[in-house]
Amino acid sequence: MFEKDLTKKMQDIVLEGRVPAKDVCRVIKKPYSTLLRELNPFDNHAKLGAETMFDIVKATHNVSILEFMARELGYTLMPLDGVESSSKPKRASGTSERVRRQAATM
């Protein structure tokens, strides 16, 4: 059931979000009808890909789907403070070796 919940949440983000659905389609360069089909949790023939999902998150600036996924996996999602121009995120001091190993497997 997790897959249908995830797809339904993405559908809500696109159809009920602050950014109109057609604007999201234009930004992610996907036809409106195609995206609506991929977002339909009851359509077994069209699936929303991870890249499209990531593009939607960036286009809508809505990370609630990432928070949902993290929560389902037993994690929390926290924004980085003071992001530098480097592409490597800083590790928090005091992070245990176990947490680093666990993060490396994801």
PDB file of N, CA and C in Angstrom:
ATOM      1  N   MET A   1       0.815  -1.194   0.000  1.00  0.00           N
ATOM      2  CA  MET A   1       0.000   0.000   0.000  1.00  0.00           C
ATOM      3  C   MET A   1       0.858   1.257   0.000  1.00  0.00           C
ATOM      4  N   PHE A   2       2.093   1.141   0.427  1.00  0.00           N
ATOM      5  CA  PHE A   2       3.004   2.293   0.479  1.00  0.00           C
ATOM      6  C   PHE A   2       3.118   2.965  -0.883  1.00  0.00           C
ATOM      7  N   GLU A   3       3.185   2.160  -1.970  1.00  0.00           N
ATOM      8  CA  GLU A   3       3.342   2.726  -3.310  1.00  0.00           C
ATOM      9  C   GLU A   3       2.152   3.615  -3.680  1.00  0.00           C
ATOM     10  N   LYS A   4       0.943   3.157  -3.383  1.00  0.00           N
ATOM     11  CA  LYS A   4      -0.247   3.957  -3.703  1.00  0.00           C
ATOM     12  C   LYS A   4      -0.300   5.211  -2.838  1.00  0.00           C
ATOM     13  N   ASP A   5       0.097   5.105  -1.560  1.00  0.00           N
ATOM     14  CA  ASP A   5       0.142   6.281  -0.693  1.00  0.00           C
ATOM     15  C   ASP A   5       1.141   7.300  -1.228  1.00  0.00           C
ATOM     16  N   LEU A   6       2.289   6.833  -1.654  1.00  0.00           N
ATOM     17  CA  LEU A   6       3.330   7.704  -2.184  1.00  0.00           C
ATOM     18  C   LEU A   6       2.852   8.401  -3.457  1.00  0.00           C
ATOM     19  N   THR A   7       2.256   7.646  -4.358  1.00  0.00           N
ATOM     20  CA  THR A   7       1.763   8.219  -5.605  1.00  0.00           C
ATOM     21  C   THR A   7       0.635   9.203  -5.328  1.00  0.00           C
ATOM     22  N   LYS A   8      -0.256   8.883  -4.404  1.00  0.00           N
ATOM     23  CA  LYS A   8      -1.366   9.789  -4.064  1.00  0.00           C
ATOM     24  C   LYS A   8      -0.834  11.080  -3.471  1.00  0.00           C
ATOM     25  N   LYS A   9       0.175  10.995  -2.630  1.00  0.00           N
ATOM     26  CA  LYS A   9       0.762  12.200  -2.045  1.00  0.00           C
ATOM     27  C   LYS A   9       1.403  13.067  -3.128  1.00  0.00           C
ATOM     28  N   MET A  10       2.065  12.441  -4.095  1.00  0.00           N
ATOM     29  CA  MET A  10       2.649  13.211  -5.207  1.00  0.00           C
ATOM     30  C   MET A  10       1.547  13.850  -6.040  1.00  0.00           C
ATOM     31  N   GLN A  11       0.471  13.124  -6.258  1.00  0.00           N
ATOM     32  CA  GLN A  11      -0.665  13.660  -7.009  1.00  0.00           C
ATOM     33  C   GLN A  11      -1.217  14.905  -6.296  1.00  0.00           C
ATOM     34  N   ASP A  12      -1.352  14.834  -4.990  1.00  0.00           N
ATOM     35  CA  ASP A  12      -1.849  15.972  -4.211  1.00  0.00           C
ATOM     36  C   ASP A  12      -0.905  17.165  -4.300  1.00  0.00           C
ATOM     37  N   ILE A  13       0.396  16.907  -4.255  1.00  0.00           N
ATOM     38  CA  ILE A  13       1.381  17.988  -4.348  1.00  0.00           C
ATOM     39  C   ILE A  13       1.221  18.734  -5.670  1.00  0.00           C
ATOM     40  N   VAL A  14       1.029  17.989  -6.754  1.00  0.00           N
ATOM     41  CA  VAL A  14       0.920  18.603  -8.073  1.00  0.00           C
ATOM     42  C   VAL A  14      -0.443  19.264  -8.273  1.00  0.00           C
ATOM     43  N   LEU A  15      -1.514  18.573  -7.928  1.00  0.00           N
ATOM     44  CA  LEU A  15      -2.854  19.085  -8.238  1.00  0.00           C
ATOM     45  C   LEU A  15      -3.393  20.081  -7.216  1.00  0.00           C
ATOM     46  N   GLU A  16      -2.903  20.017  -5.992  1.00  0.00           N
ATOM     47  CA  GLU A  16      -3.428  20.900  -4.947  1.00  0.00           C
ATOM     48  C   GLU A  16      -2.377  21.827  -4.363  1.00  0.00           C
ATOM     49  N   GLY A  17      -1.220  21.889  -4.978  1.00  0.00           N
ATOM     50  CA  GLY A  17      -0.122  22.697  -4.454  1.00  0.00           C
ATOM     51  C   GLY A  17      -0.212  24.161  -4.835  1.00  0.00           C
ATOM     52  N   ARG A  18       0.772  24.921  -4.364  1.00  0.00           N
ATOM     53  CA  ARG A  18       0.817  26.356  -4.640  1.00  0.00           C
ATOM     54  C   ARG A  18       1.185  26.647  -6.090  1.00  0.00           C
ATOM     55  N   VAL A  19       1.943  25.743  -6.720  1.00  0.00           N
ATOM     56  CA  VAL A  19       2.333  25.920  -8.118  1.00  0.00           C
ATOM     57  C   VAL A  19       1.315  25.180  -8.988  1.00  0.00           C
ATOM     58  N   PRO A  20       0.676  25.886  -9.936  1.00  0.00           N
ATOM     59  CA  PRO A  20      -0.306  25.208 -10.790  1.00  0.00           C
ATOM     60  C   PRO A  20       0.305  24.014 -11.534  1.00  0.00           C
ATOM     61  N   ALA A  21      -0.497  22.975 -11.700  1.00  0.00           N
ATOM     62  CA  ALA A  21      -0.025  21.726 -12.309  1.00  0.00           C
ATOM     63  C   ALA A  21       0.569  21.951 -13.700  1.00  0.00           C
ATOM     64  N   LYS A  22      -0.043  22.814 -14.493  1.00  0.00           N
ATOM     65  CA  LYS A  22       0.481  23.052 -15.844  1.00  0.00           C
ATOM     66  C   LYS A  22       1.827  23.760 -15.798  1.00  0.00           C
ATOM     67  N   ASP A  23       2.061  24.588 -14.779  1.00  0.00           N
ATOM     68  CA  ASP A  23       3.375  25.214 -14.607  1.00  0.00           C
ATOM     69  C   ASP A  23       4.420  24.162 -14.231  1.00  0.00           C
ATOM     70  N   VAL A  24       4.025  23.231 -13.373  1.00  0.00           N
ATOM     71  CA  VAL A  24       4.934  22.138 -12.997  1.00  0.00           C
ATOM     72  C   VAL A  24       5.312  21.355 -14.252  1.00  0.00           C
ATOM     73  N   CYS A  25       4.341  21.035 -15.096  1.00  0.00           N
ATOM     74  CA  CYS A  25       4.594  20.289 -16.328  1.00  0.00           C
ATOM     75  C   CYS A  25       5.569  21.040 -17.231  1.00  0.00           C
ATOM     76  N   ARG A  26       5.376  22.334 -17.343  1.00  0.00           N
ATOM     77  CA  ARG A  26       6.265  23.134 -18.187  1.00  0.00           C
ATOM     78  C   ARG A  26       7.701  23.107 -17.649  1.00  0.00           C
ATOM     79  N   VAL A  27       7.853  23.250 -16.334  1.00  0.00           N
ATOM     80  CA  VAL A  27       9.179  23.262 -15.714  1.00  0.00           C
ATOM     81  C   VAL A  27       9.875  21.910 -15.873  1.00  0.00           C
ATOM     82  N   ILE A  28       9.142  20.823 -15.685  1.00  0.00           N
ATOM     83  CA  ILE A  28       9.769  19.489 -15.754  1.00  0.00           C
ATOM     84  C   ILE A  28       9.771  18.923 -17.176  1.00  0.00           C
ATOM     85  N   LYS A  29       9.192  19.701 -18.114  1.00  0.00           N
ATOM     86  CA  LYS A  29       9.188  19.319 -19.535  1.00  0.00           C
ATOM     87  C   LYS A  29       8.506  17.967 -19.771  1.00  0.00           C
ATOM     88  N   LYS A  30       7.281  17.879 -19.246  1.00  0.00           N
ATOM     89  CA  LYS A  30       6.494  16.653 -19.417  1.00  0.00           C
ATOM     90  C   LYS A  30       5.069  17.067 -19.777  1.00  0.00           C
ATOM     91  N   PRO A  31       4.478  16.435 -20.792  1.00  0.00           N
ATOM     92  CA  PRO A  31       3.098  16.769 -21.148  1.00  0.00           C
ATOM     93  C   PRO A  31       2.149  16.577 -19.955  1.00  0.00           C
ATOM     94  N   TYR A  32       1.185  17.477 -19.843  1.00  0.00           N
ATOM     95  CA  TYR A  32       0.217  17.456 -18.746  1.00  0.00           C
ATOM     96  C   TYR A  32      -0.500  16.114 -18.646  1.00  0.00           C
ATOM     97  N   SER A  33      -0.977  15.605 -19.777  1.00  0.00           N
ATOM     98  CA  SER A  33      -1.731  14.340 -19.753  1.00  0.00           C
ATOM     99  C   SER A  33      -0.847  13.173 -19.297  1.00  0.00           C
ATOM    100  N   THR A  34       0.413  13.192 -19.695  1.00  0.00           N
ATOM    101  CA  THR A  34       1.348  12.136 -19.286  1.00  0.00           C
ATOM    102  C   THR A  34       1.582  12.182 -17.787  1.00  0.00           C
ATOM    103  N   LEU A  35       1.826  13.382 -17.270  1.00  0.00           N
ATOM    104  CA  LEU A  35       2.083  13.508 -15.841  1.00  0.00           C
ATOM    105  C   LEU A  35       0.857  13.091 -15.026  1.00  0.00           C
ATOM    106  N   LEU A  36      -0.322  13.518 -15.451  1.00  0.00           N
ATOM    107  CA  LEU A  36      -1.525  13.123 -14.711  1.00  0.00           C
ATOM    108  C   LEU A  36      -1.701  11.612 -14.705  1.00  0.00           C
ATOM    109  N   ARG A  37      -1.371  10.979 -15.784  1.00  0.00           N
ATOM    110  CA  ARG A  37      -1.474   9.515 -15.834  1.00  0.00           C
ATOM    111  C   ARG A  37      -0.460   8.870 -14.886  1.00  0.00           C
ATOM    112  N   GLU A  38       0.769   9.392 -14.886  1.00  0.00           N
ATOM    113  CA  GLU A  38       1.799   8.846 -13.991  1.00  0.00           C
ATOM    114  C   GLU A  38       1.450   9.070 -12.521  1.00  0.00           C
ATOM    115  N   LEU A  39       0.711  10.129 -12.235  1.00  0.00           N
ATOM    116  CA  LEU A  39       0.331  10.449 -10.857  1.00  0.00           C
ATOM    117  C   LEU A  39      -0.932   9.733 -10.400  1.00  0.00           C
ATOM    118  N   ASN A  40      -1.581   9.013 -11.291  1.00  0.00           N
ATOM    119  CA  ASN A  40      -2.805   8.300 -10.945  1.00  0.00           C
ATOM    120  C   ASN A  40      -2.444   7.010 -10.206  1.00  0.00           C
ATOM    121  N   PRO A  41      -2.766   6.914  -8.915  1.00  0.00           N
ATOM    122  CA  PRO A  41      -2.380   5.712  -8.162  1.00  0.00           C
ATOM    123  C   PRO A  41      -3.109   4.443  -8.608  1.00  0.00           C
ATOM    124  N   PHE A  42      -4.154   4.583  -9.420  1.00  0.00           N
ATOM    125  CA  PHE A  42      -4.918   3.416  -9.859  1.00  0.00           C
ATOM    126  C   PHE A  42      -4.594   2.997 -11.291  1.00  0.00           C
ATOM    127  N   ASP A  43      -3.665   3.688 -11.931  1.00  0.00           N
ATOM    128  CA  ASP A  43      -3.237   3.324 -13.286  1.00  0.00           C
ATOM    129  C   ASP A  43      -2.021   2.409 -13.155  1.00  0.00           C
ATOM    130  N   ASN A  44      -2.213   1.138 -13.451  1.00  0.00           N
ATOM    131  CA  ASN A  44      -1.125   0.168 -13.293  1.00  0.00           C
ATOM    132  C   ASN A  44      -0.158   0.143 -14.461  1.00  0.00           C
ATOM    133  N   HIS A  45      -0.420   0.931 -15.496  1.00  0.00           N
ATOM    134  CA  HIS A  45       0.425   0.891 -16.689  1.00  0.00           C
ATOM    135  C   HIS A  45       1.366   2.078 -16.800  1.00  0.00           C
ATOM    136  N   ALA A  46       1.162   3.112 -16.017  1.00  0.00           N
ATOM    137  CA  ALA A  46       2.046   4.281 -16.038  1.00  0.00           C
ATOM    138  C   ALA A  46       2.547   4.516 -14.624  1.00  0.00           C
ATOM    139  N   LYS A  47       3.833   4.647 -14.487  1.00  0.00           N
ATOM    140  CA  LYS A  47       4.429   4.827 -13.170  1.00  0.00           C
ATOM    141  C   LYS A  47       5.258   6.095 -13.131  1.00  0.00           C
ATOM    142  N   LEU A  48       5.259   6.733 -11.989  1.00  0.00           N
ATOM    143  CA  LEU A  48       6.053   7.931 -11.771  1.00  0.00           C
ATOM    144  C   LEU A  48       7.486   7.517 -11.463  1.00  0.00           C
ATOM    145  N   GLY A  49       8.422   7.994 -12.258  1.00  0.00           N
ATOM    146  CA  GLY A  49       9.823   7.668 -12.053  1.00  0.00           C
ATOM    147  C   GLY A  49      10.460   8.535 -10.975  1.00  0.00           C
ATOM    148  N   ALA A  50      11.564   8.065 -10.433  1.00  0.00           N
ATOM    149  CA  ALA A  50      12.271   8.797  -9.382  1.00  0.00           C
ATOM    150  C   ALA A  50      12.772  10.146  -9.881  1.00  0.00           C
ATOM    151  N   GLU A  51      13.255  10.209 -11.120  1.00  0.00           N
ATOM    152  CA  GLU A  51      13.752  11.467 -11.669  1.00  0.00           C
ATOM    153  C   GLU A  51      12.628  12.490 -11.788  1.00  0.00           C
ATOM    154  N   THR A  52      11.462  12.041 -12.240  1.00  0.00           N
ATOM    155  CA  THR A  52      10.317  12.942 -12.358  1.00  0.00           C
ATOM    156  C   THR A  52       9.871  13.411 -10.984  1.00  0.00           C
ATOM    157  N   MET A  53       9.863  12.498 -10.028  1.00  0.00           N
ATOM    158  CA  MET A  53       9.484  12.875  -8.676  1.00  0.00           C
ATOM    159  C   MET A  53      10.436  13.941  -8.139  1.00  0.00           C
ATOM    160  N   PHE A  54      11.730  13.767  -8.370  1.00  0.00           N
ATOM    161  CA  PHE A  54      12.726  14.739  -7.908  1.00  0.00           C
ATOM    162  C   PHE A  54      12.514  16.083  -8.603  1.00  0.00           C
ATOM    163  N   ASP A  55      12.228  16.048  -9.902  1.00  0.00           N
ATOM    164  CA  ASP A  55      11.964  17.284 -10.649  1.00  0.00           C
ATOM    165  C   ASP A  55      10.734  18.012 -10.105  1.00  0.00           C
ATOM    166  N   ILE A  56       9.704  17.251  -9.722  1.00  0.00           N
ATOM    167  CA  ILE A  56       8.492  17.849  -9.155  1.00  0.00           C
ATOM    168  C   ILE A  56       8.803  18.510  -7.811  1.00  0.00           C
ATOM    169  N   VAL A  57       9.583  17.839  -6.980  1.00  0.00           N
ATOM    170  CA  VAL A  57       9.960  18.409  -5.680  1.00  0.00           C
ATOM    171  C   VAL A  57      10.696  19.729  -5.898  1.00  0.00           C
ATOM    172  N   LYS A  58      11.624  19.752  -6.859  1.00  0.00           N
ATOM    173  CA  LYS A  58      12.360  20.989  -7.132  1.00  0.00           C
ATOM    174  C   LYS A  58      11.447  22.067  -7.703  1.00  0.00           C
ATOM    175  N   ALA A  59      10.540  21.701  -8.587  1.00  0.00           N
ATOM    176  CA  ALA A  59       9.653  22.680  -9.228  1.00  0.00           C
ATOM    177  C   ALA A  59       8.637  23.269  -8.246  1.00  0.00           C
ATOM    178  N   THR A  60       8.168  22.455  -7.307  1.00  0.00           N
ATOM    179  CA  THR A  60       7.137  22.907  -6.371  1.00  0.00           C
ATOM    180  C   THR A  60       7.719  23.441  -5.063  1.00  0.00           C
ATOM    181  N   HIS A  61       8.973  23.136  -4.800  1.00  0.00           N
ATOM    182  CA  HIS A  61       9.621  23.489  -3.522  1.00  0.00           C
ATOM    183  C   HIS A  61       8.857  22.874  -2.352  1.00  0.00           C
ATOM    184  N   ASN A  62       8.271  21.708  -2.589  1.00  0.00           N
ATOM    185  CA  ASN A  62       7.485  21.019  -1.574  1.00  0.00           C
ATOM    186  C   ASN A  62       8.195  19.709  -1.231  1.00  0.00           C
ATOM    187  N   VAL A  63       8.746  19.651  -0.024  1.00  0.00           N
ATOM    188  CA  VAL A  63       9.504  18.465   0.388  1.00  0.00           C
ATOM    189  C   VAL A  63       8.680  17.520   1.257  1.00  0.00           C
ATOM    190  N   SER A  64       7.379  17.731   1.319  1.00  0.00           N
ATOM    191  CA  SER A  64       6.559  16.876   2.183  1.00  0.00           C
ATOM    192  C   SER A  64       6.642  15.406   1.774  1.00  0.00           C
ATOM    193  N   ILE A  65       6.828  15.130   0.497  1.00  0.00           N
ATOM    194  CA  ILE A  65       6.965  13.737   0.046  1.00  0.00           C
ATOM    195  C   ILE A  65       8.257  13.121   0.577  1.00  0.00           C
ATOM    196  N   LEU A  66       9.315  13.926   0.641  1.00  0.00           N
ATOM    197  CA  LEU A  66      10.585  13.433   1.192  1.00  0.00           C
ATOM    198  C   LEU A  66      10.455  13.188   2.692  1.00  0.00           C
ATOM    199  N   GLU A  67       9.712  14.065   3.370  1.00  0.00           N
ATOM    200  CA  GLU A  67       9.468  13.875   4.800  1.00  0.00           C
ATOM    201  C   GLU A  67       8.658  12.601   5.036  1.00  0.00           C
ATOM    202  N   PHE A  68       7.663  12.360   4.190  1.00  0.00           N
ATOM    203  CA  PHE A  68       6.851  11.148   4.290  1.00  0.00           C
ATOM    204  C   PHE A  68       7.722   9.903   4.100  1.00  0.00           C
ATOM    205  N   MET A  69       8.567   9.913   3.077  1.00  0.00           N
ATOM    206  CA  MET A  69       9.427   8.760   2.807  1.00  0.00           C
ATOM    207  C   MET A  69      10.392   8.521   3.966  1.00  0.00           C
ATOM    208  N   ALA A  70      10.988   9.590   4.473  1.00  0.00           N
ATOM    209  CA  ALA A  70      11.920   9.458   5.594  1.00  0.00           C
ATOM    210  C   ALA A  70      11.214   8.869   6.809  1.00  0.00           C
ATOM    211  N   ARG A  71      10.023   9.381   7.113  1.00  0.00           N
ATOM    212  CA  ARG A  71       9.253   8.897   8.269  1.00  0.00           C
ATOM    213  C   ARG A  71       8.907   7.419   8.119  1.00  0.00           C
ATOM    214  N   GLU A  72       8.497   7.005   6.918  1.00  0.00           N
ATOM    215  CA  GLU A  72       8.158   5.605   6.669  1.00  0.00           C
ATOM    216  C   GLU A  72       9.359   4.678   6.873  1.00  0.00           C
ATOM    217  N   LEU A  73      10.559   5.222   6.661  1.00  0.00           N
ATOM    218  CA  LEU A  73      11.786   4.439   6.816  1.00  0.00           C
ATOM    219  C   LEU A  73      12.422   4.610   8.189  1.00  0.00           C
ATOM    220  N   GLY A  74      11.770   5.378   9.052  1.00  0.00           N
ATOM    221  CA  GLY A  74      12.286   5.565  10.402  1.00  0.00           C
ATOM    222  C   GLY A  74      13.326   6.662  10.517  1.00  0.00           C
ATOM    223  N   TYR A  75      13.302   7.624   9.618  1.00  0.00           N
ATOM    224  CA  TYR A  75      14.251   8.729   9.635  1.00  0.00           C
ATOM    225  C   TYR A  75      13.520  10.054   9.732  1.00  0.00           C
ATOM    226  N   THR A  76      14.284  11.116   9.898  1.00  0.00           N
ATOM    227  CA  THR A  76      13.743  12.466   9.815  1.00  0.00           C
ATOM    228  C   THR A  76      14.483  13.195   8.707  1.00  0.00           C
ATOM    229  N   LEU A  77      13.878  14.228   8.195  1.00  0.00           N
ATOM    230  CA  LEU A  77      14.475  15.034   7.141  1.00  0.00           C
ATOM    231  C   LEU A  77      14.736  16.411   7.715  1.00  0.00           C
ATOM    232  N   MET A  78      15.972  16.870   7.596  1.00  0.00           N
ATOM    233  CA  MET A  78      16.325  18.184   8.123  1.00  0.00           C
ATOM    234  C   MET A  78      17.062  18.968   7.043  1.00  0.00           C
ATOM    235  N   PRO A  79      16.746  20.262   6.912  1.00  0.00           N
ATOM    236  CA  PRO A  79      17.463  21.071   5.923  1.00  0.00           C
ATOM    237  C   PRO A  79      18.896  21.342   6.374  1.00  0.00           C
ATOM    238  N   LEU A  80      19.770  21.516   5.405  1.00  0.00           N
ATOM    239  CA  LEU A  80      21.145  21.894   5.712  1.00  0.00           C
ATOM    240  C   LEU A  80      21.167  23.381   6.017  1.00  0.00           C
ATOM    241  N   ASP A  81      21.871  23.772   7.055  1.00  0.00           N
ATOM    242  CA  ASP A  81      22.033  25.190   7.373  1.00  0.00           C
ATOM    243  C   ASP A  81      23.345  25.678   6.788  1.00  0.00           C
ATOM    244  N   GLY A  82      23.330  26.860   6.191  1.00  0.00           N
ATOM    245  CA  GLY A  82      24.564  27.449   5.674  1.00  0.00           C
ATOM    246  C   GLY A  82      25.218  26.610   4.608  1.00  0.00           C
ATOM    247  N   VAL A  83      24.470  26.205   3.598  1.00  0.00           N
ATOM    248  CA  VAL A  83      25.024  25.379   2.536  1.00  0.00           C
ATOM    249  C   VAL A  83      26.106  26.162   1.810  1.00  0.00           C
ATOM    250  N   GLU A  84      27.272  25.534   1.651  1.00  0.00           N
ATOM    251  CA  GLU A  84      28.378  26.168   0.948  1.00  0.00           C
ATOM    252  C   GLU A  84      28.302  25.827  -0.526  1.00  0.00           C
ATOM    253  N   SER A  85      29.152  26.429  -1.317  1.00  0.00           N
ATOM    254  CA  SER A  85      29.155  26.172  -2.753  1.00  0.00           C
ATOM    255  C   SER A  85      29.664  24.774  -3.078  1.00  0.00           C
ATOM    256  N   SER A  86      30.305  24.142  -2.126  1.00  0.00           N
ATOM    257  CA  SER A  86      30.780  22.782  -2.326  1.00  0.00           C
ATOM    258  C   SER A  86      29.603  21.835  -2.460  1.00  0.00           C
ATOM    259  N   SER A  87      29.752  20.826  -3.312  1.00  0.00           N
ATOM    260  CA  SER A  87      28.663  19.864  -3.488  1.00  0.00           C
ATOM    261  C   SER A  87      28.644  18.819  -2.382  1.00  0.00           C
ATOM    262  N   LYS A  88      29.678  18.763  -1.566  1.00  0.00           N
ATOM    263  CA  LYS A  88      29.722  17.799  -0.475  1.00  0.00           C
ATOM    264  C   LYS A  88      29.078  18.381   0.772  1.00  0.00           C
ATOM    265  N   PRO A  89      28.062  17.701   1.316  1.00  0.00           N
ATOM    266  CA  PRO A  89      27.478  18.187   2.568  1.00  0.00           C
ATOM    267  C   PRO A  89      28.447  17.981   3.723  1.00  0.00           C
ATOM    268  N   LYS A  90      28.409  18.899   4.688  1.00  0.00           N
ATOM    269  CA  LYS A  90      29.256  18.768   5.866  1.00  0.00           C
ATOM    270  C   LYS A  90      28.663  17.744   6.804  1.00  0.00           C
ATOM    271  N   ARG A  91      29.509  16.986   7.475  1.00  0.00           N
ATOM    272  CA  ARG A  91      29.043  16.049   8.492  1.00  0.00           C
ATOM    273  C   ARG A  91      28.994  16.773   9.813  1.00  0.00           C
ATOM    274  N   ALA A  92      27.967  16.488  10.550  1.00  0.00           N
ATOM    275  CA  ALA A  92      27.854  17.076  11.876  1.00  0.00           C
ATOM    276  C   ALA A  92      28.929  16.483  12.766  1.00  0.00           C
ATOM    277  N   SER A  93      29.560  17.326  13.573  1.00  0.00           N
ATOM    278  CA  SER A  93      30.572  16.800  14.480  1.00  0.00           C
ATOM    279  C   SER A  93      29.886  15.907  15.494  1.00  0.00           C
ATOM    280  N   GLY A  94      30.538  14.833  15.863  1.00  0.00           N
ATOM    281  CA  GLY A  94      29.968  13.911  16.832  1.00  0.00           C
ATOM    282  C   GLY A  94      29.109  12.826  16.201  1.00  0.00           C
ATOM    283  N   THR A  95      29.034  12.785  14.859  1.00  0.00           N
ATOM    284  CA  THR A  95      28.251  11.738  14.211  1.00  0.00           C
ATOM    285  C   THR A  95      28.956  10.415  14.446  1.00  0.00           C
ATOM    286  N   SER A  96      28.220   9.449  14.915  1.00  0.00           N
ATOM    287  CA  SER A  96      28.837   8.177  15.243  1.00  0.00           C
ATOM    288  C   SER A  96      29.188   7.392  13.984  1.00  0.00           C
ATOM    289  N   GLU A  97      30.131   6.505  14.110  1.00  0.00           N
ATOM    290  CA  GLU A  97      30.550   5.659  12.990  1.00  0.00           C
ATOM    291  C   GLU A  97      29.394   4.802  12.496  1.00  0.00           C
ATOM    292  N   ARG A  98      28.556   4.324  13.403  1.00  0.00           N
ATOM    293  CA  ARG A  98      27.410   3.506  13.020  1.00  0.00           C
ATOM    294  C   ARG A  98      26.465   4.287  12.117  1.00  0.00           C
ATOM    295  N   VAL A  99      26.190   5.532  12.430  1.00  0.00           N
ATOM    296  CA  VAL A  99      25.294   6.363  11.626  1.00  0.00           C
ATOM    297  C   VAL A  99      25.920   6.609  10.260  1.00  0.00           C
ATOM    298  N   ARG A 100      27.225   6.870  10.207  1.00  0.00           N
ATOM    299  CA  ARG A 100      27.894   7.097   8.908  1.00  0.00           C
ATOM    300  C   ARG A 100      27.834   5.851   8.051  1.00  0.00           C
ATOM    301  N   ARG A 101      28.040   4.675   8.641  1.00  0.00           N
ATOM    302  CA  ARG A 101      27.971   3.425   7.872  1.00  0.00           C
ATOM    303  C   ARG A 101      26.554   3.202   7.373  1.00  0.00           C
ATOM    304  N   GLN A 102      25.578   3.465   8.221  1.00  0.00           N
ATOM    305  CA  GLN A 102      24.185   3.274   7.833  1.00  0.00           C
ATOM    306  C   GLN A 102      23.818   4.233   6.698  1.00  0.00           C
ATOM    307  N   ALA A 103      24.252   5.470   6.773  1.00  0.00           N
ATOM    308  CA  ALA A 103      23.962   6.453   5.729  1.00  0.00           C
ATOM    309  C   ALA A 103      24.635   6.062   4.417  1.00  0.00           C
ATOM    310  N   ALA A 104      25.788   5.452   4.491  1.00  0.00           N
ATOM    311  CA  ALA A 104      26.504   5.059   3.283  1.00  0.00           C
ATOM    312  C   ALA A 104      25.811   3.938   2.527  1.00  0.00           C
ATOM    313  N   THR A 105      24.971   3.181   3.221  1.00  0.00           N
ATOM    314  CA  THR A 105      24.279   2.073   2.575  1.00  0.00           C
ATOM    315  C   THR A 105      22.977   2.508   1.907  1.00  0.00           C
ATOM    316  N   MET A 106      22.592   3.741   2.084  1.00  0.00           N
ATOM    317  CA  MET A 106      21.308   4.202   1.533  1.00  0.00           C
ATOM    318  C   MET A 106      21.480   4.824   0.178  1.00  0.00           C
TER     319      MET A 106
END
